[in-house]
Amino acid sequence: MLISVAICTYNGEKYLEEQLRSVMEQSYNNLEIIINDDCSTDNTLDVAYALQKEDNRIKIYQNEKNLGFNKNFEKTLQYCNGELISLCDQDDIWDLDKIKKQYDLLKKTNSSLVYCNAWLINAQGDDLNQNLFSQLHVNPIRGNTQLGLIFDNCVSGNTMLFKKSLLNLIYPIPDIIFFDRWIAFVASYDSTIDVIEEPLIKYRQHGGNVTDVLREKKVKKTLKTKLDKRDKAFMVKVNQFKAFIEFFNKHNIKNENTKIIEDIYNELCDYDKYYFNFKLYSIYKKYQDKIFEIKGNKTAAILKFSCGLKMYKIFPFL
């Protein structure tokens, strides 16, 4: 079975060769390696073309204009011809059996998507003695687990392998939700998702990461910046729930989970009008094992997400 490895590049010359060679040397070799560059201004394309001379499985595309993170991945997926797609960053290192182990599990369980854990390494490639799940304090989830993905995510894009048939449901990817969380959410509705808890990639952490896993990007916190951040976080959450509901309506999905999400959305829309929303608290408490299955501390999550903006204006550093 052909598997497409989709790599979005942007100014990635520093680490791209090491990443690509770890893909080229996979034990599962029925691959096509799709590289789509988002108008890099460094030597990224030179690195890619040099490796293409060594491996004709590499196909290179270039955007006419910079599309940004989500839209670049969305376009890259359209170039994929394989029945399965594996997403790949431009700066990691893969275990040479990564694709084979994920393919074997996906075939065995007939899941729509399989993801894995990751070792964290620094910019120089040194082991940080941490793995992704423990660093993020998340519980890896499997099965039909849609509610767990509405407040959190444990499925990193660079660790996933999924069925290409999902693309019919995935598009368009909402701007307000990171593409990996959206794909995992859609996959959990299409069928099931599964996980390999063994780290199968080395996930490089450096100043250019989109996701600050190590939380090293420090921002000076003042009362105003703290409240502005809270207000923005509420607005983002409201719009994310709106995107989930639009997905349900588009595909005529009606069940207990959709009702729960609609009820939460209706309350969240008034986030700036309450101190503590007891209706939300009741919903979260009743369905905590579903809604917060990714969270390490369910009690803290219930209290946090029941508070409104007015509460944070009184206690801004909660």
C-alpha atoms as a PDB file:
ATOM      1  CA  MET A   1       0.000   0.000   0.000  1.00  0.00           C
ATOM      2  CA  LEU A   2       1.350   3.426  -0.968  1.00  0.00           C
ATOM      3  CA  ILE A   3       1.799   5.845   1.941  1.00  0.00           C
ATOM      4  CA  SER A   4       2.282   9.565   1.328  1.00  0.00           C
ATOM      5  CA  VAL A   5       4.597  11.466   3.657  1.00  0.00           C
ATOM      6  CA  ALA A   6       3.501  15.116   3.602  1.00  0.00           C
ATOM      7  CA  ILE A   7       6.142  17.686   4.523  1.00  0.00           C
ATOM      8  CA  CYS A   8       5.465  21.415   4.640  1.00  0.00           C
ATOM      9  CA  THR A   9       8.639  23.478   4.530  1.00  0.00           C
ATOM     10  CA  TYR A  10       9.387  27.094   5.325  1.00  0.00           C
ATOM     11  CA  ASN A  11      12.934  28.320   5.963  1.00  0.00           C
ATOM     12  CA  GLY A  12      13.883  24.867   7.180  1.00  0.00           C
ATOM     13  CA  GLU A  13      17.344  24.442   5.647  1.00  0.00           C
ATOM     14  CA  LYS A  14      19.060  23.858   9.005  1.00  0.00           C
ATOM     15  CA  TYR A  15      17.391  20.549   9.911  1.00  0.00           C
ATOM     16  CA  LEU A  16      15.655  19.405   6.722  1.00  0.00           C
ATOM     17  CA  GLU A  17      18.305  16.977   5.484  1.00  0.00           C
ATOM     18  CA  GLU A  18      18.389  15.034   8.761  1.00  0.00           C
ATOM     19  CA  GLN A  19      14.595  14.841   8.800  1.00  0.00           C
ATOM     20  CA  LEU A  20      14.346  13.748   5.181  1.00  0.00           C
ATOM     21  CA  ARG A  21      16.998  11.053   5.495  1.00  0.00           C
ATOM     22  CA  SER A  22      15.108   9.533   8.438  1.00  0.00           C
ATOM     23  CA  VAL A  23      12.067   9.315   6.140  1.00  0.00           C
ATOM     24  CA  MET A  24      14.015   8.016   3.143  1.00  0.00           C
ATOM     25  CA  GLU A  25      15.472   5.214   5.271  1.00  0.00           C
ATOM     26  CA  GLN A  26      12.157   3.961   6.703  1.00  0.00           C
ATOM     27  CA  SER A  27      11.816   0.178   6.901  1.00  0.00           C
ATOM     28  CA  TYR A  28       8.407   0.558   5.217  1.00  0.00           C
ATOM     29  CA  ASN A  29       9.568   1.821   1.827  1.00  0.00           C
ATOM     30  CA  ASN A  30       6.453   1.985  -0.362  1.00  0.00           C
ATOM     31  CA  LEU A  31       6.364   5.752   0.070  1.00  0.00           C
ATOM     32  CA  GLU A  32       6.003   8.964  -1.829  1.00  0.00           C
ATOM     33  CA  ILE A  33       7.565  11.964  -0.100  1.00  0.00           C
ATOM     34  CA  ILE A  34       5.635  15.153  -0.836  1.00  0.00           C
ATOM     35  CA  ILE A  35       7.403  18.441  -0.062  1.00  0.00           C
ATOM     36  CA  ASN A  36       5.450  21.669  -0.441  1.00  0.00           C
ATOM     37  CA  ASP A  37       7.431  24.835   0.224  1.00  0.00           C
ATOM     38  CA  ASP A  38       5.699  27.970   1.500  1.00  0.00           C
ATOM     39  CA  CYS A  39       7.955  30.573  -0.151  1.00  0.00           C
ATOM     40  CA  SER A  40      11.136  29.955   1.837  1.00  0.00           C
ATOM     41  CA  THR A  41      13.763  32.686   1.677  1.00  0.00           C
ATOM     42  CA  ASP A  42      16.697  30.457   2.665  1.00  0.00           C
ATOM     43  CA  ASN A  43      18.227  27.370   1.013  1.00  0.00           C
ATOM     44  CA  THR A  44      15.416  24.954   1.920  1.00  0.00           C
ATOM     45  CA  LEU A  45      14.639  24.129  -1.699  1.00  0.00           C
ATOM     46  CA  ASP A  46      18.303  23.568  -2.540  1.00  0.00           C
ATOM     47  CA  VAL A  47      18.463  20.940   0.221  1.00  0.00           C
ATOM     48  CA  ALA A  48      15.264  19.301  -1.040  1.00  0.00           C
ATOM     49  CA  TYR A  49      16.347  19.194  -4.688  1.00  0.00           C
ATOM     50  CA  ALA A  50      19.755  17.755  -3.757  1.00  0.00           C
ATOM     51  CA  LEU A  51      18.091  14.874  -1.913  1.00  0.00           C
ATOM     52  CA  GLN A  52      15.589  14.382  -4.738  1.00  0.00           C
ATOM     53  CA  LYS A  53      18.561  13.439  -6.941  1.00  0.00           C
ATOM     54  CA  GLU A  54      19.228  10.550  -4.525  1.00  0.00           C
ATOM     55  CA  ASP A  55      15.604   9.412  -4.155  1.00  0.00           C
ATOM     56  CA  ASN A  56      12.983   9.674  -6.895  1.00  0.00           C
ATOM     57  CA  ARG A  57      10.209   9.134  -4.353  1.00  0.00           C
ATOM     58  CA  ILE A  58      10.616  12.826  -3.433  1.00  0.00           C
ATOM     59  CA  LYS A  59       8.228  15.219  -5.185  1.00  0.00           C
ATOM     60  CA  ILE A  60       8.649  18.963  -4.680  1.00  0.00           C
ATOM     61  CA  TYR A  61       6.034  21.705  -5.003  1.00  0.00           C
ATOM     62  CA  GLN A  62       6.153  25.444  -4.332  1.00  0.00           C
ATOM     63  CA  ASN A  63       3.388  27.846  -3.334  1.00  0.00           C
ATOM     64  CA  GLU A  64       3.078  31.016  -5.394  1.00  0.00           C
ATOM     65  CA  LYS A  65       2.542  33.008  -2.194  1.00  0.00           C
ATOM     66  CA  ASN A  66       2.990  32.341   1.502  1.00  0.00           C
ATOM     67  CA  LEU A  67      -0.126  30.575   2.833  1.00  0.00           C
ATOM     68  CA  GLY A  68       0.747  30.162   6.493  1.00  0.00           C
ATOM     69  CA  PHE A  69       0.737  27.065   8.668  1.00  0.00           C
ATOM     70  CA  ASN A  70      -2.770  25.553   8.393  1.00  0.00           C
ATOM     71  CA  LYS A  71      -3.419  26.445   4.763  1.00  0.00           C
ATOM     72  CA  ASN A  72      -0.043  25.152   3.636  1.00  0.00           C
ATOM     73  CA  PHE A  73      -0.760  21.746   5.164  1.00  0.00           C
ATOM     74  CA  GLU A  74      -4.233  21.765   3.628  1.00  0.00           C
ATOM     75  CA  LYS A  75      -2.741  22.373   0.175  1.00  0.00           C
ATOM     76  CA  THR A  76       0.042  19.821   0.674  1.00  0.00           C
ATOM     77  CA  LEU A  77      -2.475  17.090   1.472  1.00  0.00           C
ATOM     78  CA  GLN A  78      -4.058  17.634  -1.939  1.00  0.00           C
ATOM     79  CA  TYR A  79      -0.849  16.452  -3.622  1.00  0.00           C
ATOM     80  CA  CYS A  80      -0.875  13.115  -1.768  1.00  0.00           C
ATOM     81  CA  ASN A  81      -1.706   9.982  -3.798  1.00  0.00           C
ATOM     82  CA  GLY A  82      -1.306   7.303  -1.125  1.00  0.00           C
ATOM     83  CA  GLU A  83      -4.178   5.509   0.589  1.00  0.00           C
ATOM     84  CA  LEU A  84      -2.585   6.583   3.876  1.00  0.00           C
ATOM     85  CA  ILE A  85      -0.944   9.897   4.789  1.00  0.00           C
ATOM     86  CA  SER A  86       1.777  10.521   7.340  1.00  0.00           C
ATOM     87  CA  LEU A  87       2.398  14.133   8.338  1.00  0.00           C
ATOM     88  CA  CYS A  88       5.994  15.186   8.831  1.00  0.00           C
ATOM     89  CA  ASP A  89       7.676  18.302  10.189  1.00  0.00           C
ATOM     90  CA  GLN A  90      10.825  19.730   8.619  1.00  0.00           C
ATOM     91  CA  ASP A  91      13.050  19.488  11.689  1.00  0.00           C
ATOM     92  CA  ASP A  92      12.502  16.181  13.525  1.00  0.00           C
ATOM     93  CA  ILE A  93      14.104  12.734  13.305  1.00  0.00           C
ATOM     94  CA  TRP A  94      12.013   9.600  12.805  1.00  0.00           C
ATOM     95  CA  ASP A  95      12.597   6.153  14.236  1.00  0.00           C
ATOM     96  CA  LEU A  96      13.283   3.993  11.173  1.00  0.00           C
ATOM     97  CA  ASP A  97      10.308   1.719  12.018  1.00  0.00           C
ATOM     98  CA  LYS A  98       7.863   4.566  12.684  1.00  0.00           C
ATOM     99  CA  ILE A  99       5.686   4.120   9.613  1.00  0.00           C
ATOM    100  CA  LYS A 100       5.784   0.311   9.741  1.00  0.00           C
ATOM    101  CA  LYS A 101       4.648   0.186  13.387  1.00  0.00           C
ATOM    102  CA  GLN A 102       1.869   2.690  12.791  1.00  0.00           C
ATOM    103  CA  TYR A 103       0.738   0.956   9.602  1.00  0.00           C
ATOM    104  CA  ASP A 104       0.622  -2.424  11.373  1.00  0.00           C
ATOM    105  CA  LEU A 105      -1.556  -1.023  14.169  1.00  0.00           C
ATOM    106  CA  LEU A 106      -3.870   0.850  11.812  1.00  0.00           C
ATOM    107  CA  LYS A 107      -4.336  -2.299   9.725  1.00  0.00           C
ATOM    108  CA  LYS A 108      -4.951  -4.438  12.822  1.00  0.00           C
ATOM    109  CA  THR A 109      -7.525  -2.102  14.436  1.00  0.00           C
ATOM    110  CA  ASN A 110      -8.988  -0.591  11.231  1.00  0.00           C
ATOM    111  CA  SER A 111      -8.707   2.825  12.868  1.00  0.00           C
ATOM    112  CA  SER A 112      -8.943   6.000  10.814  1.00  0.00           C
ATOM    113  CA  LEU A 113      -5.879   7.455  12.497  1.00  0.00           C
ATOM    114  CA  VAL A 114      -2.925   6.251  14.569  1.00  0.00           C
ATOM    115  CA  TYR A 115      -0.562   8.546  16.446  1.00  0.00           C
ATOM    116  CA  CYS A 116       2.415   8.019  18.742  1.00  0.00           C
ATOM    117  CA  ASN A 117       4.487   9.517  21.520  1.00  0.00           C
ATOM    118  CA  ALA A 118       7.714  11.459  20.873  1.00  0.00           C
ATOM    119  CA  TRP A 119      11.067  12.028  22.535  1.00  0.00           C
ATOM    120  CA  LEU A 120      11.959  15.693  22.968  1.00  0.00           C
ATOM    121  CA  ILE A 121      15.375  16.844  21.785  1.00  0.00           C
ATOM    122  CA  ASN A 122      16.982  20.276  21.756  1.00  0.00           C
ATOM    123  CA  ALA A 123      18.130  22.252  18.726  1.00  0.00           C
ATOM    124  CA  GLN A 124      21.428  20.361  18.669  1.00  0.00           C
ATOM    125  CA  GLY A 125      19.668  16.978  18.725  1.00  0.00           C
ATOM    126  CA  ASP A 126      20.514  16.191  22.360  1.00  0.00           C
ATOM    127  CA  ASP A 127      18.001  14.087  24.300  1.00  0.00           C
ATOM    128  CA  LEU A 128      16.063  16.153  26.882  1.00  0.00           C
ATOM    129  CA  ASN A 129      15.007  13.008  28.795  1.00  0.00           C
ATOM    130  CA  GLN A 130      11.356  13.928  28.361  1.00  0.00           C
ATOM    131  CA  ASN A 131       8.582  12.582  26.193  1.00  0.00           C
ATOM    132  CA  LEU A 132       5.745  14.572  24.683  1.00  0.00           C
ATOM    133  CA  PHE A 133       2.861  13.063  26.670  1.00  0.00           C
ATOM    134  CA  SER A 134       4.520  13.555  30.056  1.00  0.00           C
ATOM    135  CA  GLN A 135       5.747  17.064  29.231  1.00  0.00           C
ATOM    136  CA  LEU A 136       2.230  18.181  28.262  1.00  0.00           C
ATOM    137  CA  HIS A 137       0.653  16.289  31.218  1.00  0.00           C
ATOM    138  CA  VAL A 138      -1.854  14.618  28.921  1.00  0.00           C
ATOM    139  CA  ASN A 139      -3.453  11.198  28.870  1.00  0.00           C
ATOM    140  CA  PRO A 140      -3.212   9.625  25.386  1.00  0.00           C
ATOM    141  CA  ILE A 141      -6.671   8.682  24.153  1.00  0.00           C
ATOM    142  CA  ARG A 142      -8.066   6.103  21.737  1.00  0.00           C
ATOM    143  CA  GLY A 143     -11.418   5.007  20.353  1.00  0.00           C
ATOM    144  CA  ASN A 144     -14.449   7.221  19.598  1.00  0.00           C
ATOM    145  CA  THR A 145     -13.252  10.065  21.742  1.00  0.00           C
ATOM    146  CA  GLN A 146     -14.671  13.250  20.258  1.00  0.00           C
ATOM    147  CA  LEU A 147     -15.465  15.108  23.478  1.00  0.00           C
ATOM    148  CA  GLY A 148     -11.918  14.727  24.737  1.00  0.00           C
ATOM    149  CA  LEU A 149     -10.639  16.764  21.793  1.00  0.00           C
ATOM    150  CA  ILE A 150     -12.883  19.797  22.282  1.00  0.00           C
ATOM    151  CA  PHE A 151     -10.817  21.258  25.126  1.00  0.00           C
ATOM    152  CA  ASP A 152      -7.394  19.744  24.592  1.00  0.00           C
ATOM    153  CA  ASN A 153      -5.215  17.800  22.192  1.00  0.00           C
ATOM    154  CA  CYS A 154      -2.734  14.977  22.610  1.00  0.00           C
ATOM    155  CA  VAL A 155      -2.389  14.156  18.895  1.00  0.00           C
ATOM    156  CA  SER A 156       0.568  15.984  17.408  1.00  0.00           C
ATOM    157  CA  GLY A 157       0.550  16.285  13.621  1.00  0.00           C
ATOM    158  CA  ASN A 158       4.109  15.036  13.217  1.00  0.00           C
ATOM    159  CA  THR A 159       3.162  11.753  14.914  1.00  0.00           C
ATOM    160  CA  MET A 160       0.041  10.821  12.947  1.00  0.00           C
ATOM    161  CA  LEU A 161      -0.791   8.366  10.165  1.00  0.00           C
ATOM    162  CA  PHE A 162      -4.333   8.479   8.799  1.00  0.00           C
ATOM    163  CA  LYS A 163      -6.551   7.283   5.968  1.00  0.00           C
ATOM    164  CA  LYS A 164      -6.668   9.560   2.940  1.00  0.00           C
ATOM    165  CA  SER A 165     -10.445   9.019   2.803  1.00  0.00           C
ATOM    166  CA  LEU A 166     -10.657  11.392   5.786  1.00  0.00           C
ATOM    167  CA  LEU A 167      -9.858  14.314   3.488  1.00  0.00           C
ATOM    168  CA  ASN A 168     -13.469  14.323   2.297  1.00  0.00           C
ATOM    169  CA  LEU A 169     -14.480  15.228   5.864  1.00  0.00           C
ATOM    170  CA  ILE A 170     -11.491  17.346   6.904  1.00  0.00           C
ATOM    171  CA  TYR A 171     -11.806  20.172   4.378  1.00  0.00           C
ATOM    172  CA  PRO A 172     -11.936  23.031   4.967  1.00  0.00           C
ATOM    173  CA  ILE A 173      -9.645  23.151   8.017  1.00  0.00           C
ATOM    174  CA  PRO A 174     -10.902  25.990  10.264  1.00  0.00           C
ATOM    175  CA  ASP A 175      -8.349  28.775  10.769  1.00  0.00           C
ATOM    176  CA  ILE A 176      -9.200  28.851  14.478  1.00  0.00           C
ATOM    177  CA  ILE A 177      -8.122  25.232  15.147  1.00  0.00           C
ATOM    178  CA  PHE A 178      -4.674  23.720  14.586  1.00  0.00           C
ATOM    179  CA  PHE A 179      -4.802  21.237  11.724  1.00  0.00           C
ATOM    180  CA  ASP A 180      -3.628  18.239  13.810  1.00  0.00           C
ATOM    181  CA  ARG A 181      -6.353  18.627  16.426  1.00  0.00           C
ATOM    182  CA  TRP A 182      -8.956  19.072  13.691  1.00  0.00           C
ATOM    183  CA  ILE A 183      -7.843  15.936  11.829  1.00  0.00           C
ATOM    184  CA  ALA A 184      -7.911  13.911  15.070  1.00  0.00           C
ATOM    185  CA  PHE A 185     -11.364  15.264  15.919  1.00  0.00           C
ATOM    186  CA  VAL A 186     -12.747  14.368  12.479  1.00  0.00           C
ATOM    187  CA  ALA A 187     -11.087  10.926  12.571  1.00  0.00           C
ATOM    188  CA  SER A 188     -12.742  10.143  15.897  1.00  0.00           C
ATOM    189  CA  TYR A 189     -16.140  10.776  14.299  1.00  0.00           C
ATOM    190  CA  ASP A 190     -15.381   8.849  11.142  1.00  0.00           C
ATOM    191  CA  SER A 191     -14.265   5.747  13.017  1.00  0.00           C
ATOM    192  CA  THR A 192     -11.741   5.446  15.829  1.00  0.00           C
ATOM    193  CA  ILE A 193      -8.260   6.669  16.612  1.00  0.00           C
ATOM    194  CA  ASP A 194      -5.500   4.630  18.244  1.00  0.00           C
ATOM    195  CA  VAL A 195      -2.136   5.319  19.825  1.00  0.00           C
ATOM    196  CA  ILE A 196       1.322   3.816  20.139  1.00  0.00           C
ATOM    197  CA  GLU A 197       2.618   5.064  23.473  1.00  0.00           C
ATOM    198  CA  GLU A 198       6.191   4.281  22.465  1.00  0.00           C
ATOM    199  CA  PRO A 199       8.025   7.419  21.221  1.00  0.00           C
ATOM    200  CA  LEU A 200       8.678   6.941  17.508  1.00  0.00           C
ATOM    201  CA  ILE A 201      10.074  10.338  16.631  1.00  0.00           C
ATOM    202  CA  LYS A 202      12.598  12.774  18.073  1.00  0.00           C
ATOM    203  CA  TYR A 203      10.656  16.045  18.286  1.00  0.00           C
ATOM    204  CA  ARG A 204      13.130  18.912  18.014  1.00  0.00           C
ATOM    205  CA  GLN A 205      12.529  21.947  20.251  1.00  0.00           C
ATOM    206  CA  HIS A 206      13.995  25.274  19.139  1.00  0.00           C
ATOM    207  CA  GLY A 207      13.050  28.916  18.849  1.00  0.00           C
ATOM    208  CA  GLY A 208      11.250  28.422  15.540  1.00  0.00           C
ATOM    209  CA  ASN A 209       8.684  25.854  16.721  1.00  0.00           C
ATOM    210  CA  VAL A 210       5.034  26.721  16.123  1.00  0.00           C
ATOM    211  CA  THR A 211       4.091  24.795  19.279  1.00  0.00           C
ATOM    212  CA  ASP A 212       6.056  25.825  22.388  1.00  0.00           C
ATOM    213  CA  VAL A 213       6.084  22.387  24.042  1.00  0.00           C
ATOM    214  CA  LEU A 214       8.733  23.368  26.589  1.00  0.00           C
ATOM    215  CA  ARG A 215       6.984  26.698  27.301  1.00  0.00           C
ATOM    216  CA  GLU A 216      10.226  28.595  26.818  1.00  0.00           C
ATOM    217  CA  LYS A 217       8.745  31.604  25.028  1.00  0.00           C
ATOM    218  CA  LYS A 218       8.323  33.971  27.970  1.00  0.00           C
ATOM    219  CA  VAL A 219       5.983  36.955  27.741  1.00  0.00           C
ATOM    220  CA  LYS A 220       6.065  39.661  30.395  1.00  0.00           C
ATOM    221  CA  LYS A 221       2.776  39.442  32.296  1.00  0.00           C
ATOM    222  CA  THR A 222       0.996  42.582  33.430  1.00  0.00           C
ATOM    223  CA  LEU A 223      -2.597  42.855  34.615  1.00  0.00           C
ATOM    224  CA  LYS A 224      -3.677  44.176  31.205  1.00  0.00           C
ATOM    225  CA  THR A 225      -1.807  41.556  29.185  1.00  0.00           C
ATOM    226  CA  LYS A 226      -3.158  38.814  31.434  1.00  0.00           C
ATOM    227  CA  LEU A 227      -6.772  39.969  31.007  1.00  0.00           C
ATOM    228  CA  ASP A 228      -6.314  40.518  27.279  1.00  0.00           C
ATOM    229  CA  LYS A 229      -4.965  36.979  26.981  1.00  0.00           C
ATOM    230  CA  ARG A 230      -7.954  35.589  28.911  1.00  0.00           C
ATOM    231  CA  ASP A 231     -10.405  37.530  26.752  1.00  0.00           C
ATOM    232  CA  LYS A 232      -8.733  36.294  23.569  1.00  0.00           C
ATOM    233  CA  ALA A 233      -8.684  32.708  24.895  1.00  0.00           C
ATOM    234  CA  PHE A 234     -12.438  32.851  25.534  1.00  0.00           C
ATOM    235  CA  MET A 235     -13.104  34.225  22.044  1.00  0.00           C
ATOM    236  CA  VAL A 236     -10.956  31.510  20.479  1.00  0.00           C
ATOM    237  CA  LYS A 237     -12.781  28.817  22.459  1.00  0.00           C
ATOM    238  CA  VAL A 238     -16.194  30.152  21.392  1.00  0.00           C
ATOM    239  CA  ASN A 239     -15.151  30.159  17.722  1.00  0.00           C
ATOM    240  CA  GLN A 240     -13.678  26.660  18.019  1.00  0.00           C
ATOM    241  CA  PHE A 241     -16.962  25.336  19.374  1.00  0.00           C
ATOM    242  CA  LYS A 242     -18.754  27.124  16.555  1.00  0.00           C
ATOM    243  CA  ALA A 243     -16.525  25.267  14.062  1.00  0.00           C
ATOM    244  CA  PHE A 244     -17.290  21.926  15.737  1.00  0.00           C
ATOM    245  CA  ILE A 245     -21.030  22.610  15.550  1.00  0.00           C
ATOM    246  CA  GLU A 246     -20.812  23.674  11.889  1.00  0.00           C
ATOM    247  CA  PHE A 247     -19.080  20.358  11.175  1.00  0.00           C
ATOM    248  CA  PHE A 248     -21.935  18.467  12.862  1.00  0.00           C
ATOM    249  CA  ASN A 249     -24.572  20.405  10.932  1.00  0.00           C
ATOM    250  CA  LYS A 250     -22.771  19.965   7.604  1.00  0.00           C
ATOM    251  CA  HIS A 251     -22.688  16.176   8.043  1.00  0.00           C
ATOM    252  CA  ASN A 252     -26.086  15.840   9.762  1.00  0.00           C
ATOM    253  CA  ILE A 253     -24.567  14.442  12.956  1.00  0.00           C
ATOM    254  CA  LYS A 254     -26.925  14.371  15.935  1.00  0.00           C
ATOM    255  CA  ASN A 255     -26.152  12.448  19.113  1.00  0.00           C
ATOM    256  CA  GLU A 256     -25.490  12.943  22.807  1.00  0.00           C
ATOM    257  CA  ASN A 257     -22.039  14.359  22.184  1.00  0.00           C
ATOM    258  CA  THR A 258     -23.268  17.000  19.751  1.00  0.00           C
ATOM    259  CA  LYS A 259     -25.941  18.057  22.263  1.00  0.00           C
ATOM    260  CA  ILE A 260     -23.301  18.419  24.991  1.00  0.00           C
ATOM    261  CA  ILE A 261     -21.102  20.562  22.736  1.00  0.00           C
ATOM    262  CA  GLU A 262     -24.054  22.743  21.702  1.00  0.00           C
ATOM    263  CA  ASP A 263     -25.031  23.279  25.363  1.00  0.00           C
ATOM    264  CA  ILE A 264     -21.454  24.262  26.268  1.00  0.00           C
ATOM    265  CA  TYR A 265     -21.259  26.614  23.285  1.00  0.00           C
ATOM    266  CA  ASN A 266     -24.496  28.384  24.230  1.00  0.00           C
ATOM    267  CA  GLU A 267     -23.139  29.109  27.709  1.00  0.00           C
ATOM    268  CA  LEU A 268     -19.646  30.083  26.536  1.00  0.00           C
ATOM    269  CA  CYS A 269     -21.070  32.771  24.260  1.00  0.00           C
ATOM    270  CA  ASP A 270     -21.794  34.824  27.406  1.00  0.00           C
ATOM    271  CA  TYR A 271     -18.293  34.343  28.870  1.00  0.00           C
ATOM    272  CA  ASP A 272     -17.967  38.077  29.641  1.00  0.00           C
ATOM    273  CA  LYS A 273     -21.244  38.226  31.592  1.00  0.00           C
ATOM    274  CA  TYR A 274     -20.666  35.759  34.454  1.00  0.00           C
ATOM    275  CA  TYR A 275     -18.261  35.110  37.319  1.00  0.00           C
ATOM    276  CA  PHE A 276     -18.922  31.394  37.596  1.00  0.00           C
ATOM    277  CA  ASN A 277     -21.291  29.436  35.371  1.00  0.00           C
ATOM    278  CA  PHE A 278     -23.003  26.732  37.403  1.00  0.00           C
ATOM    279  CA  LYS A 279     -24.673  25.237  34.335  1.00  0.00           C
ATOM    280  CA  LEU A 280     -21.271  24.730  32.719  1.00  0.00           C
ATOM    281  CA  TYR A 281     -19.941  23.339  35.982  1.00  0.00           C
ATOM    282  CA  SER A 282     -22.815  20.839  36.042  1.00  0.00           C
ATOM    283  CA  ILE A 283     -22.144  19.732  32.445  1.00  0.00           C
ATOM    284  CA  TYR A 284     -18.409  19.406  33.029  1.00  0.00           C
ATOM    285  CA  LYS A 285     -18.922  17.506  36.265  1.00  0.00           C
ATOM    286  CA  LYS A 286     -21.429  15.074  34.751  1.00  0.00           C
ATOM    287  CA  TYR A 287     -19.351  14.273  31.662  1.00  0.00           C
ATOM    288  CA  GLN A 288     -15.860  14.889  33.067  1.00  0.00           C
ATOM    289  CA  ASP A 289     -14.516  11.471  32.089  1.00  0.00           C
ATOM    290  CA  LYS A 290     -15.354  12.219  28.449  1.00  0.00           C
ATOM    291  CA  ILE A 291     -14.727  15.958  28.236  1.00  0.00           C
ATOM    292  CA  PHE A 292     -11.505  16.003  30.220  1.00  0.00           C
ATOM    293  CA  GLU A 293     -10.116  12.544  29.485  1.00  0.00           C
ATOM    294  CA  ILE A 294      -6.946  14.122  28.101  1.00  0.00           C
ATOM    295  CA  LYS A 295      -6.452  16.382  31.122  1.00  0.00           C
ATOM    296  CA  GLY A 296      -4.258  15.184  33.958  1.00  0.00           C
ATOM    297  CA  ASN A 297      -6.244  17.058  36.635  1.00  0.00           C
ATOM    298  CA  LYS A 298      -9.975  16.889  35.912  1.00  0.00           C
ATOM    299  CA  THR A 299     -11.050  18.808  39.042  1.00  0.00           C
ATOM    300  CA  ALA A 300      -8.827  21.774  38.190  1.00  0.00           C
ATOM    301  CA  ALA A 301     -10.071  21.742  34.592  1.00  0.00           C
ATOM    302  CA  ILE A 302     -13.732  21.746  35.664  1.00  0.00           C
ATOM    303  CA  LEU A 303     -13.216  24.775  37.915  1.00  0.00           C
ATOM    304  CA  LYS A 304     -11.062  26.633  35.382  1.00  0.00           C
ATOM    305  CA  PHE A 305     -13.485  26.295  32.490  1.00  0.00           C
ATOM    306  CA  SER A 306     -16.509  27.159  34.655  1.00  0.00           C
ATOM    307  CA  CYS A 307     -15.095  30.621  35.436  1.00  0.00           C
ATOM    308  CA  GLY A 308     -16.047  33.606  33.300  1.00  0.00           C
ATOM    309  CA  LEU A 309     -14.135  36.748  32.393  1.00  0.00           C
ATOM    310  CA  LYS A 310     -15.567  38.643  35.370  1.00  0.00           C
ATOM    311  CA  MET A 311     -13.923  36.155  37.741  1.00  0.00           C
ATOM    312  CA  TYR A 312     -10.572  36.666  36.063  1.00  0.00           C
ATOM    313  CA  LYS A 313     -10.924  40.433  36.370  1.00  0.00           C
ATOM    314  CA  ILE A 314     -11.036  39.974  40.146  1.00  0.00           C
ATOM    315  CA  PHE A 315      -8.452  37.179  40.260  1.00  0.00           C
ATOM    316  CA  PRO A 316      -6.401  37.739  37.071  1.00  0.00           C
ATOM    317  CA  PHE A 317      -3.601  35.347  37.964  1.00  0.00           C
ATOM    318  CA  LEU A 318      -5.796  32.300  38.587  1.00  0.00           C
END
